[in-house]
């Protein structure tokens, strides 16, 4: 399956996170994203590495840590040790971005870079050789349940062109307001990895939402579960 569906647990039942991870795997998601917020870079506080480590035995799905925190470098190792195969940092929070991305690779993880809606794509041009994943935010980070920003589609398309021009295999992820009603838009613009948050939990049946997402992406009326 070309397109990858990534579950955010930001709006999940925080008292049942381990169980939620197991349910999401059964529903056919490809990975789980942990939204790590520090109350400084974004106006919210969420989970730390200890919570992620406690949930790691509950699922075989890959974990990615989306670090919405200022100066993330001192904390990178603990998120890798907690079981996150991919670490995503924000261009806006790293003073020496090359050094930060190199450190992620040195720790044995894949390196991702996130860009806020107002951050120009130019911020990643000179680090493309270090990226495994580029995340275009389609909401302003900090809270779940926000509306998808359609004007980011030109940025997604430009990011796809940048990736193609680099000659490297870099995933293009979008995060924010993704639902069965909106997922086809960033997909058409060139995204191939979609973080789904509040939409997964509204109906109480993530598996049904996964099927609806796949239908919106153009898969069959009886879509296969994600591998």
N, C-alpha and C. Protein backbone atom coordinates (compact mmCIF):
# COMPACT_ATOMS: atom_id res chain seq x y z
N UNK A 1 0.85 -1.19 0.00
CA UNK A 1 0.00 0.00 0.00
C UNK A 1 0.88 1.24 0.00
N UNK A 2 0.74 2.07 -1.02
CA UNK A 2 1.59 3.24 -1.15
C UNK A 2 1.35 4.24 -0.03
N UNK A 3 0.08 4.61 0.16
CA UNK A 3 -0.24 5.60 1.17
C UNK A 3 -0.22 4.97 2.57
N UNK A 4 0.31 5.73 3.51
CA UNK A 4 0.43 5.25 4.88
C UNK A 4 -0.46 6.08 5.80
N UNK A 5 -1.21 5.38 6.67
CA UNK A 5 -2.10 6.03 7.62
C UNK A 5 -1.48 5.93 9.01
N UNK A 6 -1.26 7.08 9.62
CA UNK A 6 -0.58 7.17 10.91
C UNK A 6 -1.57 7.68 11.95
N UNK A 7 -1.72 6.96 13.03
CA UNK A 7 -2.67 7.36 14.08
C UNK A 7 -1.99 8.26 15.10
N UNK A 8 -2.57 9.42 15.32
CA UNK A 8 -2.18 10.25 16.47
C UNK A 8 -3.02 9.80 17.65
N UNK A 9 -2.40 9.72 18.83
CA UNK A 9 -3.15 9.34 20.03
C UNK A 9 -3.46 10.56 20.90
N UNK A 10 -3.27 11.74 20.36
CA UNK A 10 -3.49 12.96 21.14
C UNK A 10 -4.91 13.04 21.69
N UNK A 11 -5.89 12.59 20.91
CA UNK A 11 -7.29 12.68 21.32
C UNK A 11 -7.86 11.34 21.76
N UNK A 12 -6.97 10.36 21.98
CA UNK A 12 -7.42 9.06 22.46
C UNK A 12 -7.69 9.12 23.96
N UNK A 13 -8.24 8.04 24.50
CA UNK A 13 -8.48 7.92 25.93
C UNK A 13 -7.13 7.72 26.61
N UNK A 14 -6.63 8.74 27.29
CA UNK A 14 -5.29 8.69 27.86
C UNK A 14 -5.18 7.69 29.00
N UNK A 15 -6.29 7.27 29.55
CA UNK A 15 -6.26 6.28 30.60
C UNK A 15 -6.17 4.86 30.09
N UNK A 16 -6.25 4.71 28.75
CA UNK A 16 -6.22 3.37 28.15
C UNK A 16 -5.24 3.32 26.97
N UNK A 17 -4.15 4.04 27.06
CA UNK A 17 -3.28 4.20 25.90
C UNK A 17 -2.73 2.87 25.37
N UNK A 18 -2.33 1.98 26.25
CA UNK A 18 -1.83 0.69 25.79
C UNK A 18 -2.88 -0.06 25.01
N UNK A 19 -4.09 -0.11 25.56
CA UNK A 19 -5.20 -0.78 24.88
C UNK A 19 -5.52 -0.09 23.57
N UNK A 20 -5.48 1.24 23.57
CA UNK A 20 -5.75 1.99 22.34
C UNK A 20 -4.74 1.62 21.25
N UNK A 21 -3.46 1.49 21.61
CA UNK A 21 -2.44 1.11 20.62
C UNK A 21 -2.76 -0.24 20.00
N UNK A 22 -3.21 -1.19 20.81
CA UNK A 22 -3.58 -2.51 20.30
C UNK A 22 -4.77 -2.41 19.36
N UNK A 23 -5.75 -1.61 19.73
CA UNK A 23 -6.94 -1.42 18.89
C UNK A 23 -6.57 -0.78 17.56
N UNK A 24 -5.69 0.21 17.59
CA UNK A 24 -5.29 0.88 16.35
C UNK A 24 -4.56 -0.06 15.41
N UNK A 25 -3.75 -0.95 15.95
CA UNK A 25 -3.08 -1.93 15.10
C UNK A 25 -4.11 -2.85 14.44
N UNK A 26 -5.09 -3.31 15.21
CA UNK A 26 -6.13 -4.15 14.65
C UNK A 26 -7.00 -3.45 13.63
N UNK A 27 -7.09 -2.12 13.75
CA UNK A 27 -7.92 -1.34 12.82
C UNK A 27 -7.26 -1.14 11.47
N UNK A 28 -5.96 -1.43 11.37
CA UNK A 28 -5.30 -1.33 10.08
C UNK A 28 -4.45 -0.10 9.87
N UNK A 29 -4.08 0.59 10.97
CA UNK A 29 -3.16 1.72 10.83
C UNK A 29 -1.76 1.22 10.54
N UNK A 30 -0.94 2.08 9.94
CA UNK A 30 0.44 1.72 9.60
C UNK A 30 1.45 2.10 10.67
N UNK A 31 1.13 3.08 11.50
CA UNK A 31 2.07 3.56 12.51
C UNK A 31 1.30 4.39 13.52
N UNK A 32 1.96 4.69 14.64
CA UNK A 32 1.38 5.54 15.68
C UNK A 32 2.32 6.72 15.91
N UNK A 33 1.74 7.91 15.91
CA UNK A 33 2.51 9.11 16.20
C UNK A 33 2.20 9.60 17.62
N UNK A 34 3.28 9.92 18.33
CA UNK A 34 3.17 10.48 19.67
C UNK A 34 3.45 11.98 19.60
N UNK A 35 2.45 12.77 19.95
CA UNK A 35 2.57 14.23 19.93
C UNK A 35 3.15 14.68 21.26
N UNK A 36 4.39 15.07 21.24
CA UNK A 36 5.10 15.47 22.46
C UNK A 36 5.15 16.99 22.50
N UNK A 37 4.50 17.59 23.48
CA UNK A 37 4.38 19.05 23.59
C UNK A 37 4.91 19.53 24.93
N UNK A 38 5.55 20.68 24.94
CA UNK A 38 6.26 21.15 26.14
C UNK A 38 5.63 22.36 26.83
N UNK A 39 4.55 22.90 26.28
CA UNK A 39 3.94 24.09 26.88
C UNK A 39 4.69 25.37 26.60
N UNK A 40 5.75 25.29 25.78
CA UNK A 40 6.53 26.48 25.41
C UNK A 40 6.43 26.73 23.90
N UNK A 41 6.91 25.76 23.12
CA UNK A 41 6.80 25.90 21.67
C UNK A 41 5.34 25.86 21.24
N UNK A 42 4.56 25.05 21.92
CA UNK A 42 3.11 25.00 21.68
C UNK A 42 2.40 25.11 23.04
N UNK A 43 1.19 25.65 23.07
CA UNK A 43 0.50 25.91 24.35
C UNK A 43 -0.22 24.68 24.89
N UNK A 44 0.51 23.61 25.12
CA UNK A 44 -0.10 22.40 25.65
C UNK A 44 1.00 21.52 26.21
N UNK A 45 0.64 20.64 27.13
CA UNK A 45 1.56 19.64 27.67
C UNK A 45 0.98 18.26 27.39
N UNK A 46 1.84 17.33 26.95
CA UNK A 46 1.33 15.98 26.66
C UNK A 46 2.28 14.95 27.27
N UNK A 47 2.44 13.82 26.60
CA UNK A 47 3.16 12.69 27.17
C UNK A 47 4.67 12.83 27.03
N UNK A 48 5.39 12.12 27.90
CA UNK A 48 6.83 12.03 27.83
C UNK A 48 7.27 10.64 27.42
N UNK A 49 8.57 10.43 27.40
CA UNK A 49 9.13 9.17 26.92
C UNK A 49 8.70 7.99 27.77
N UNK A 50 8.49 8.19 29.07
CA UNK A 50 8.09 7.09 29.93
C UNK A 50 6.75 6.49 29.55
N UNK A 51 5.81 7.34 29.17
CA UNK A 51 4.49 6.86 28.75
C UNK A 51 4.62 6.06 27.46
N UNK A 52 5.42 6.56 26.53
CA UNK A 52 5.62 5.86 25.25
C UNK A 52 6.25 4.49 25.49
N UNK A 53 7.26 4.44 26.33
CA UNK A 53 7.92 3.17 26.64
C UNK A 53 6.95 2.17 27.25
N UNK A 54 6.06 2.66 28.10
CA UNK A 54 5.09 1.77 28.74
C UNK A 54 4.11 1.17 27.74
N UNK A 55 3.85 1.89 26.64
CA UNK A 55 2.92 1.43 25.61
C UNK A 55 3.59 0.59 24.53
N UNK A 56 4.91 0.60 24.49
CA UNK A 56 5.62 -0.09 23.41
C UNK A 56 5.28 -1.58 23.32
N UNK A 57 5.13 -2.31 24.44
CA UNK A 57 4.80 -3.74 24.32
C UNK A 57 3.39 -4.02 23.80
N UNK A 58 2.53 -3.01 23.74
CA UNK A 58 1.13 -3.23 23.39
C UNK A 58 0.90 -3.40 21.90
N UNK A 59 1.89 -3.08 21.06
CA UNK A 59 1.69 -3.12 19.62
C UNK A 59 3.02 -3.31 18.90
N UNK A 60 2.93 -3.91 17.72
CA UNK A 60 4.11 -4.02 16.86
C UNK A 60 4.21 -2.90 15.85
N UNK A 61 3.27 -1.96 15.87
CA UNK A 61 3.31 -0.86 14.92
C UNK A 61 4.52 0.03 15.17
N UNK A 62 5.11 0.59 14.11
CA UNK A 62 6.18 1.58 14.31
C UNK A 62 5.67 2.80 15.06
N UNK A 63 6.53 3.37 15.89
CA UNK A 63 6.22 4.60 16.62
C UNK A 63 7.03 5.74 16.01
N UNK A 64 6.40 6.91 15.88
CA UNK A 64 7.14 8.12 15.56
C UNK A 64 6.84 9.17 16.62
N UNK A 65 7.88 9.85 17.07
CA UNK A 65 7.72 10.91 18.05
C UNK A 65 7.77 12.25 17.33
N UNK A 66 6.69 13.01 17.44
CA UNK A 66 6.63 14.34 16.86
C UNK A 66 6.92 15.32 17.98
N UNK A 67 8.16 15.78 18.04
CA UNK A 67 8.63 16.60 19.15
C UNK A 67 8.32 18.07 18.92
N UNK A 68 7.23 18.52 19.49
CA UNK A 68 6.85 19.93 19.43
C UNK A 68 7.38 20.60 20.69
N UNK A 69 8.73 20.63 20.79
CA UNK A 69 9.39 21.13 21.99
C UNK A 69 10.58 21.99 21.59
N UNK A 70 10.85 22.98 22.40
CA UNK A 70 12.03 23.82 22.17
C UNK A 70 13.30 23.05 22.46
N UNK A 71 14.34 23.30 21.66
CA UNK A 71 15.67 22.71 21.87
C UNK A 71 15.57 21.23 22.19
N UNK A 72 15.16 20.40 21.24
CA UNK A 72 14.88 18.99 21.52
C UNK A 72 16.10 18.11 21.72
N UNK A 73 17.28 18.59 21.40
CA UNK A 73 18.47 17.74 21.35
C UNK A 73 18.73 16.92 22.62
N UNK A 74 18.61 17.49 23.82
CA UNK A 74 18.91 16.70 25.02
C UNK A 74 17.95 15.52 25.25
N UNK A 75 16.81 15.52 24.55
CA UNK A 75 15.78 14.53 24.80
C UNK A 75 15.67 13.46 23.71
N UNK A 76 16.43 13.60 22.64
CA UNK A 76 16.29 12.69 21.51
C UNK A 76 16.53 11.24 21.90
N UNK A 77 17.58 10.99 22.66
CA UNK A 77 17.95 9.62 23.00
C UNK A 77 16.84 8.91 23.76
N UNK A 78 16.18 9.62 24.68
CA UNK A 78 15.18 8.93 25.50
C UNK A 78 13.96 8.52 24.68
N UNK A 79 13.66 9.26 23.61
CA UNK A 79 12.52 8.85 22.78
C UNK A 79 12.89 7.68 21.87
N UNK A 80 14.12 7.63 21.43
CA UNK A 80 14.58 6.46 20.69
C UNK A 80 14.59 5.24 21.62
N UNK A 81 15.10 5.40 22.82
CA UNK A 81 15.12 4.31 23.79
C UNK A 81 13.72 3.86 24.18
N UNK A 82 12.75 4.76 24.11
CA UNK A 82 11.36 4.42 24.42
C UNK A 82 10.70 3.59 23.33
N UNK A 83 11.36 3.50 22.17
CA UNK A 83 10.83 2.65 21.10
C UNK A 83 10.37 3.37 19.86
N UNK A 84 10.75 4.64 19.69
CA UNK A 84 10.35 5.40 18.51
C UNK A 84 11.38 5.22 17.40
N UNK A 85 10.92 4.66 16.30
CA UNK A 85 11.81 4.42 15.17
C UNK A 85 12.08 5.68 14.35
N UNK A 86 11.17 6.64 14.43
CA UNK A 86 11.31 7.92 13.72
C UNK A 86 11.17 9.06 14.72
N UNK A 87 12.06 10.02 14.63
CA UNK A 87 11.99 11.22 15.47
C UNK A 87 11.81 12.42 14.56
N UNK A 88 10.74 13.18 14.80
CA UNK A 88 10.44 14.37 14.00
C UNK A 88 10.67 15.60 14.86
N UNK A 89 11.52 16.49 14.39
CA UNK A 89 11.74 17.76 15.07
C UNK A 89 11.21 18.90 14.21
N UNK A 90 11.02 20.04 14.83
CA UNK A 90 10.54 21.21 14.09
C UNK A 90 11.71 22.09 13.68
N UNK A 91 11.67 22.56 12.45
CA UNK A 91 12.71 23.47 11.96
C UNK A 91 12.78 24.71 12.84
N UNK A 92 11.65 25.11 13.39
CA UNK A 92 11.58 26.34 14.16
C UNK A 92 12.28 26.24 15.52
N UNK A 93 12.58 25.02 15.98
CA UNK A 93 13.09 24.83 17.34
C UNK A 93 14.56 24.43 17.40
N UNK A 94 15.19 24.25 16.26
CA UNK A 94 16.57 23.72 16.23
C UNK A 94 17.54 24.81 15.79
N UNK A 95 18.47 25.17 16.65
CA UNK A 95 19.45 26.19 16.30
C UNK A 95 20.41 25.70 15.24
N UNK A 96 20.85 24.46 15.37
CA UNK A 96 21.79 23.86 14.41
C UNK A 96 21.12 22.61 13.83
N UNK A 97 20.32 22.81 12.79
CA UNK A 97 19.46 21.75 12.29
C UNK A 97 20.25 20.56 11.74
N UNK A 98 21.34 20.82 11.02
CA UNK A 98 22.15 19.71 10.52
C UNK A 98 22.61 18.81 11.67
N UNK A 99 23.09 19.44 12.73
CA UNK A 99 23.61 18.70 13.87
C UNK A 99 22.50 17.86 14.52
N UNK A 100 21.32 18.43 14.63
CA UNK A 100 20.20 17.71 15.24
C UNK A 100 19.81 16.49 14.42
N UNK A 101 19.70 16.66 13.11
CA UNK A 101 19.32 15.54 12.25
C UNK A 101 20.39 14.47 12.23
N UNK A 102 21.64 14.88 12.23
CA UNK A 102 22.75 13.91 12.32
C UNK A 102 22.66 13.11 13.61
N UNK A 103 22.35 13.77 14.70
CA UNK A 103 22.26 13.10 15.99
C UNK A 103 21.16 12.05 15.99
N UNK A 104 20.03 12.36 15.39
CA UNK A 104 18.94 11.39 15.29
C UNK A 104 19.42 10.13 14.57
N UNK A 105 20.12 10.31 13.47
CA UNK A 105 20.65 9.16 12.73
C UNK A 105 21.68 8.41 13.57
N UNK A 106 22.52 9.13 14.27
CA UNK A 106 23.54 8.49 15.11
C UNK A 106 22.89 7.63 16.19
N UNK A 107 21.70 8.00 16.62
CA UNK A 107 20.97 7.24 17.63
C UNK A 107 20.26 6.02 17.05
N UNK A 108 20.33 5.86 15.73
CA UNK A 108 19.74 4.70 15.08
C UNK A 108 18.31 4.88 14.63
N UNK A 109 17.82 6.11 14.59
CA UNK A 109 16.44 6.38 14.19
C UNK A 109 16.39 7.10 12.84
N UNK A 110 15.21 7.11 12.25
CA UNK A 110 14.97 7.91 11.06
C UNK A 110 14.71 9.35 11.47
N UNK A 111 15.13 10.28 10.62
CA UNK A 111 15.01 11.70 10.94
C UNK A 111 13.90 12.35 10.13
N UNK A 112 13.00 13.01 10.85
CA UNK A 112 11.93 13.76 10.21
C UNK A 112 12.00 15.22 10.58
N UNK A 113 11.53 16.06 9.66
CA UNK A 113 11.50 17.50 9.89
C UNK A 113 10.10 18.03 9.65
N UNK A 114 9.56 18.76 10.63
CA UNK A 114 8.23 19.34 10.53
C UNK A 114 8.32 20.84 10.30
N UNK A 115 7.37 21.34 9.49
CA UNK A 115 7.28 22.77 9.19
C UNK A 115 5.89 23.26 9.56
N UNK A 116 5.83 24.29 10.39
CA UNK A 116 4.55 24.93 10.70
C UNK A 116 3.95 25.55 9.44
N UNK A 117 2.64 25.81 9.46
CA UNK A 117 2.02 26.39 8.27
C UNK A 117 2.69 27.66 7.75
N UNK A 118 3.16 28.52 8.64
CA UNK A 118 3.75 29.78 8.19
C UNK A 118 5.25 29.68 7.89
N UNK A 119 5.84 28.51 8.12
CA UNK A 119 7.27 28.34 7.88
C UNK A 119 7.52 28.02 6.42
N UNK A 120 8.35 28.79 5.73
CA UNK A 120 8.60 28.53 4.31
C UNK A 120 9.27 27.19 4.07
N UNK A 121 9.01 26.61 2.93
CA UNK A 121 9.62 25.34 2.55
C UNK A 121 11.14 25.48 2.44
N UNK A 122 11.62 26.69 2.23
CA UNK A 122 13.07 26.93 2.15
C UNK A 122 13.81 26.42 3.38
N UNK A 123 13.11 26.29 4.50
CA UNK A 123 13.76 25.85 5.74
C UNK A 123 14.34 24.45 5.64
N UNK A 124 13.87 23.65 4.67
CA UNK A 124 14.36 22.28 4.57
C UNK A 124 15.24 22.04 3.34
N UNK A 125 15.39 23.04 2.49
CA UNK A 125 16.09 22.84 1.22
C UNK A 125 17.51 22.32 1.43
N UNK A 126 18.21 22.85 2.41
CA UNK A 126 19.62 22.52 2.58
C UNK A 126 19.87 21.36 3.54
N UNK A 127 18.79 20.68 3.94
CA UNK A 127 18.96 19.47 4.77
C UNK A 127 18.26 18.26 4.15
N UNK A 128 17.88 18.36 2.89
CA UNK A 128 17.18 17.25 2.25
C UNK A 128 17.99 15.96 2.27
N UNK A 129 19.30 16.09 2.22
CA UNK A 129 20.16 14.89 2.23
C UNK A 129 20.13 14.17 3.56
N UNK A 130 19.57 14.80 4.60
CA UNK A 130 19.54 14.20 5.93
C UNK A 130 18.14 13.72 6.33
N UNK A 131 17.16 13.92 5.46
CA UNK A 131 15.78 13.64 5.84
C UNK A 131 15.31 12.27 5.35
N UNK A 132 14.56 11.61 6.23
CA UNK A 132 13.80 10.41 5.85
C UNK A 132 12.32 10.74 5.71
N UNK A 133 11.91 11.85 6.32
CA UNK A 133 10.50 12.24 6.33
C UNK A 133 10.41 13.75 6.43
N UNK A 134 9.50 14.32 5.65
CA UNK A 134 9.19 15.75 5.71
C UNK A 134 7.72 15.89 6.05
N UNK A 135 7.44 16.62 7.14
CA UNK A 135 6.07 16.78 7.62
C UNK A 135 5.61 18.22 7.40
N UNK A 136 4.58 18.38 6.58
CA UNK A 136 3.95 19.68 6.36
C UNK A 136 2.74 19.75 7.28
N UNK A 137 2.78 20.65 8.24
CA UNK A 137 1.65 20.82 9.14
C UNK A 137 0.49 21.49 8.41
N UNK A 138 -0.69 20.89 8.53
CA UNK A 138 -1.88 21.45 7.91
C UNK A 138 -2.83 22.04 8.96
N UNK A 139 -2.31 22.20 10.16
CA UNK A 139 -2.91 23.05 11.21
C UNK A 139 -1.73 23.65 11.97
N UNK A 140 -1.99 24.64 12.79
CA UNK A 140 -0.97 25.14 13.70
C UNK A 140 -0.89 24.18 14.89
N UNK A 141 0.30 23.69 15.23
CA UNK A 141 0.40 22.63 16.23
C UNK A 141 0.03 23.11 17.63
N UNK A 142 -0.40 22.15 18.45
CA UNK A 142 -0.70 22.46 19.84
C UNK A 142 -1.97 21.83 20.35
N UNK A 143 -2.94 21.61 19.46
CA UNK A 143 -4.23 21.06 19.88
C UNK A 143 -4.78 20.14 18.81
N UNK A 144 -5.52 19.11 19.22
CA UNK A 144 -6.22 18.26 18.28
C UNK A 144 -7.56 18.86 17.89
N UNK A 145 -8.15 18.32 16.86
CA UNK A 145 -9.50 18.71 16.46
C UNK A 145 -9.59 19.99 15.67
N UNK A 146 -8.47 20.50 15.16
CA UNK A 146 -8.51 21.74 14.38
C UNK A 146 -8.90 21.45 12.93
N UNK A 147 -9.29 22.49 12.22
CA UNK A 147 -9.71 22.36 10.83
C UNK A 147 -8.51 22.37 9.89
N UNK A 148 -8.58 21.53 8.89
CA UNK A 148 -7.57 21.41 7.85
C UNK A 148 -7.40 22.73 7.09
N UNK A 149 -6.16 23.16 6.91
CA UNK A 149 -5.88 24.42 6.20
C UNK A 149 -5.61 24.12 4.73
N UNK A 150 -6.58 24.40 3.89
CA UNK A 150 -6.49 24.03 2.47
C UNK A 150 -5.36 24.75 1.75
N UNK A 151 -5.00 25.93 2.18
CA UNK A 151 -3.97 26.70 1.49
C UNK A 151 -2.59 26.06 1.61
N UNK A 152 -2.46 25.03 2.44
CA UNK A 152 -1.18 24.31 2.55
C UNK A 152 -0.94 23.38 1.36
N UNK A 153 -1.95 23.20 0.51
CA UNK A 153 -1.80 22.25 -0.59
C UNK A 153 -0.75 22.68 -1.60
N UNK A 154 -0.59 23.98 -1.83
CA UNK A 154 0.48 24.43 -2.73
C UNK A 154 1.85 24.15 -2.11
N UNK A 155 1.94 24.24 -0.80
CA UNK A 155 3.19 23.92 -0.10
C UNK A 155 3.48 22.43 -0.18
N UNK A 156 2.44 21.60 -0.03
CA UNK A 156 2.61 20.15 -0.17
C UNK A 156 3.10 19.81 -1.57
N UNK A 157 2.50 20.43 -2.59
CA UNK A 157 2.91 20.17 -3.97
C UNK A 157 4.36 20.60 -4.20
N UNK A 158 4.74 21.74 -3.65
CA UNK A 158 6.12 22.19 -3.78
C UNK A 158 7.08 21.25 -3.05
N UNK A 159 6.65 20.74 -1.91
CA UNK A 159 7.47 19.78 -1.16
C UNK A 159 7.65 18.50 -1.96
N UNK A 160 6.59 18.05 -2.63
CA UNK A 160 6.71 16.86 -3.48
C UNK A 160 7.72 17.10 -4.59
N UNK A 161 7.68 18.25 -5.20
CA UNK A 161 8.64 18.56 -6.27
C UNK A 161 10.07 18.61 -5.72
N UNK A 162 10.22 19.15 -4.52
CA UNK A 162 11.54 19.21 -3.90
C UNK A 162 12.07 17.80 -3.64
N UNK A 163 11.22 16.92 -3.13
CA UNK A 163 11.63 15.54 -2.87
C UNK A 163 12.01 14.84 -4.17
N UNK A 164 11.18 14.99 -5.19
CA UNK A 164 11.47 14.34 -6.48
C UNK A 164 12.79 14.86 -7.04
N UNK A 165 13.03 16.15 -6.90
CA UNK A 165 14.27 16.73 -7.40
C UNK A 165 15.50 16.28 -6.63
N UNK A 166 15.30 15.87 -5.37
CA UNK A 166 16.44 15.43 -4.56
C UNK A 166 16.93 14.04 -4.95
N UNK A 167 16.05 13.27 -5.57
CA UNK A 167 16.41 11.90 -5.94
C UNK A 167 16.44 10.94 -4.77
N UNK A 168 15.94 11.36 -3.62
CA UNK A 168 15.97 10.53 -2.42
C UNK A 168 14.56 10.05 -2.07
N UNK A 169 14.51 8.96 -1.32
CA UNK A 169 13.23 8.43 -0.87
C UNK A 169 12.88 9.08 0.47
N UNK A 170 12.11 10.13 0.40
CA UNK A 170 11.70 10.88 1.59
C UNK A 170 10.17 10.84 1.64
N UNK A 171 9.63 10.36 2.75
CA UNK A 171 8.18 10.35 2.91
C UNK A 171 7.68 11.78 3.09
N UNK A 172 6.51 12.06 2.52
CA UNK A 172 5.89 13.38 2.66
C UNK A 172 4.61 13.23 3.47
N UNK A 173 4.68 13.67 4.71
CA UNK A 173 3.60 13.48 5.66
C UNK A 173 2.84 14.78 5.87
N UNK A 174 1.55 14.66 6.13
CA UNK A 174 0.73 15.82 6.52
C UNK A 174 0.05 15.51 7.84
N UNK A 175 -0.16 16.54 8.63
CA UNK A 175 -0.71 16.37 9.97
C UNK A 175 -1.58 17.56 10.30
N UNK A 176 -2.87 17.29 10.54
CA UNK A 176 -3.78 18.34 10.96
C UNK A 176 -5.07 18.36 10.17
N UNK A 177 -6.17 18.05 10.83
CA UNK A 177 -7.47 18.11 10.19
C UNK A 177 -7.72 17.04 9.14
N UNK A 178 -6.93 15.96 9.17
CA UNK A 178 -7.09 14.90 8.18
C UNK A 178 -8.26 14.00 8.58
N UNK A 179 -9.17 13.78 7.65
CA UNK A 179 -10.36 12.97 7.88
C UNK A 179 -10.79 12.36 6.55
N UNK A 180 -11.79 11.47 6.55
CA UNK A 180 -12.29 10.96 5.27
C UNK A 180 -12.75 12.06 4.32
N UNK A 181 -13.19 13.20 4.87
CA UNK A 181 -13.68 14.30 4.04
C UNK A 181 -12.56 15.12 3.42
N UNK A 182 -11.34 15.08 4.01
CA UNK A 182 -10.27 15.96 3.55
C UNK A 182 -9.05 15.23 2.99
N UNK A 183 -8.88 13.93 3.26
CA UNK A 183 -7.63 13.25 2.96
C UNK A 183 -7.27 13.24 1.48
N UNK A 184 -8.28 13.26 0.62
CA UNK A 184 -7.99 13.21 -0.81
C UNK A 184 -7.28 14.48 -1.29
N UNK A 185 -7.44 15.58 -0.58
CA UNK A 185 -6.85 16.85 -1.03
C UNK A 185 -5.33 16.87 -0.86
N UNK A 186 -4.78 16.58 0.32
CA UNK A 186 -3.32 16.50 0.41
C UNK A 186 -2.74 15.34 -0.40
N UNK A 187 -3.52 14.28 -0.57
CA UNK A 187 -3.04 13.16 -1.40
C UNK A 187 -2.86 13.62 -2.84
N UNK A 188 -3.83 14.37 -3.34
CA UNK A 188 -3.74 14.88 -4.72
C UNK A 188 -2.58 15.84 -4.88
N UNK A 189 -2.23 16.55 -3.80
CA UNK A 189 -1.12 17.50 -3.85
C UNK A 189 0.24 16.82 -3.78
N UNK A 190 0.27 15.53 -3.35
CA UNK A 190 1.53 14.80 -3.35
C UNK A 190 1.93 14.14 -2.05
N UNK A 191 1.13 14.30 -0.99
CA UNK A 191 1.45 13.63 0.27
C UNK A 191 1.24 12.13 0.13
N UNK A 192 2.04 11.36 0.88
CA UNK A 192 1.87 9.91 0.85
C UNK A 192 1.77 9.30 2.25
N UNK A 193 1.71 10.15 3.25
CA UNK A 193 1.64 9.69 4.63
C UNK A 193 0.75 10.68 5.38
N UNK A 194 -0.26 10.15 6.10
CA UNK A 194 -1.31 11.00 6.63
C UNK A 194 -1.53 10.72 8.11
N UNK A 195 -1.34 11.73 8.93
CA UNK A 195 -1.58 11.59 10.36
C UNK A 195 -3.06 11.89 10.62
N UNK A 196 -3.74 10.94 11.24
CA UNK A 196 -5.16 11.08 11.52
C UNK A 196 -5.34 11.07 13.03
N UNK A 197 -5.99 12.10 13.55
CA UNK A 197 -6.17 12.21 14.98
C UNK A 197 -7.61 12.08 15.42
N UNK A 198 -8.26 13.21 15.68
CA UNK A 198 -9.59 13.19 16.28
C UNK A 198 -10.61 12.44 15.43
N UNK A 199 -10.44 12.44 14.10
CA UNK A 199 -11.39 11.73 13.24
C UNK A 199 -11.44 10.24 13.53
N UNK A 200 -10.35 9.68 14.03
CA UNK A 200 -10.31 8.24 14.31
C UNK A 200 -11.23 7.84 15.46
N UNK A 201 -11.49 8.77 16.37
CA UNK A 201 -12.15 8.41 17.62
C UNK A 201 -13.59 8.90 17.72
N UNK A 202 -14.01 9.73 16.79
CA UNK A 202 -15.34 10.33 16.89
C UNK A 202 -16.45 9.29 16.81
N UNK A 203 -16.28 8.27 15.96
CA UNK A 203 -17.32 7.27 15.78
C UNK A 203 -17.20 6.11 16.75
N UNK A 204 -16.09 6.07 17.50
CA UNK A 204 -15.88 4.96 18.43
C UNK A 204 -15.43 3.69 17.76
N UNK A 205 -15.14 3.73 16.47
CA UNK A 205 -14.73 2.53 15.73
C UNK A 205 -13.62 2.91 14.75
N UNK A 206 -12.36 2.90 15.18
CA UNK A 206 -11.26 3.29 14.29
C UNK A 206 -11.20 2.46 13.01
N UNK A 207 -11.55 1.18 13.07
CA UNK A 207 -11.48 0.34 11.88
C UNK A 207 -12.42 0.86 10.79
N UNK A 208 -13.59 1.31 11.19
CA UNK A 208 -14.54 1.86 10.21
C UNK A 208 -13.98 3.14 9.58
N UNK A 209 -13.35 3.96 10.40
CA UNK A 209 -12.77 5.20 9.89
C UNK A 209 -11.62 4.90 8.92
N UNK A 210 -10.81 3.90 9.24
CA UNK A 210 -9.72 3.50 8.34
C UNK A 210 -10.29 3.09 6.98
N UNK A 211 -11.36 2.32 6.99
CA UNK A 211 -11.99 1.93 5.72
C UNK A 211 -12.48 3.16 4.95
N UNK A 212 -13.05 4.12 5.66
CA UNK A 212 -13.54 5.33 5.00
C UNK A 212 -12.38 6.15 4.44
N UNK A 213 -11.28 6.21 5.16
CA UNK A 213 -10.09 6.92 4.67
C UNK A 213 -9.57 6.28 3.39
N UNK A 214 -9.54 4.96 3.37
CA UNK A 214 -9.05 4.26 2.18
C UNK A 214 -9.98 4.46 0.99
N UNK A 215 -11.28 4.47 1.25
CA UNK A 215 -12.23 4.76 0.17
C UNK A 215 -11.99 6.15 -0.41
N UNK A 216 -11.72 7.12 0.46
CA UNK A 216 -11.46 8.49 0.02
C UNK A 216 -10.17 8.57 -0.79
N UNK A 217 -9.24 7.65 -0.52
CA UNK A 217 -7.99 7.61 -1.28
C UNK A 217 -8.12 6.81 -2.58
N UNK A 218 -9.31 6.24 -2.80
CA UNK A 218 -9.55 5.56 -4.07
C UNK A 218 -9.35 4.07 -4.07
N UNK A 219 -9.31 3.47 -2.86
CA UNK A 219 -9.19 2.02 -2.80
C UNK A 219 -10.56 1.38 -2.97
N UNK A 220 -10.60 0.06 -2.97
CA UNK A 220 -11.83 -0.66 -3.28
C UNK A 220 -12.91 -0.43 -2.22
N UNK A 221 -14.13 -0.89 -2.55
CA UNK A 221 -15.25 -0.74 -1.61
C UNK A 221 -15.08 -1.62 -0.40
N UNK A 222 -14.20 -2.59 -0.48
CA UNK A 222 -13.87 -3.43 0.67
C UNK A 222 -12.36 -3.36 0.88
N UNK A 223 -11.86 -2.22 1.38
CA UNK A 223 -10.43 -1.95 1.38
C UNK A 223 -9.66 -2.96 2.22
N UNK A 224 -8.45 -3.33 1.80
CA UNK A 224 -7.62 -4.22 2.62
C UNK A 224 -7.11 -3.47 3.83
N UNK A 225 -6.86 -4.22 4.89
CA UNK A 225 -6.21 -3.62 6.06
C UNK A 225 -4.78 -3.25 5.71
N UNK A 226 -4.29 -2.20 6.33
CA UNK A 226 -2.91 -1.77 6.09
C UNK A 226 -1.95 -2.85 6.55
N UNK A 227 -0.88 -3.05 5.79
CA UNK A 227 0.11 -4.06 6.13
C UNK A 227 1.20 -3.47 7.00
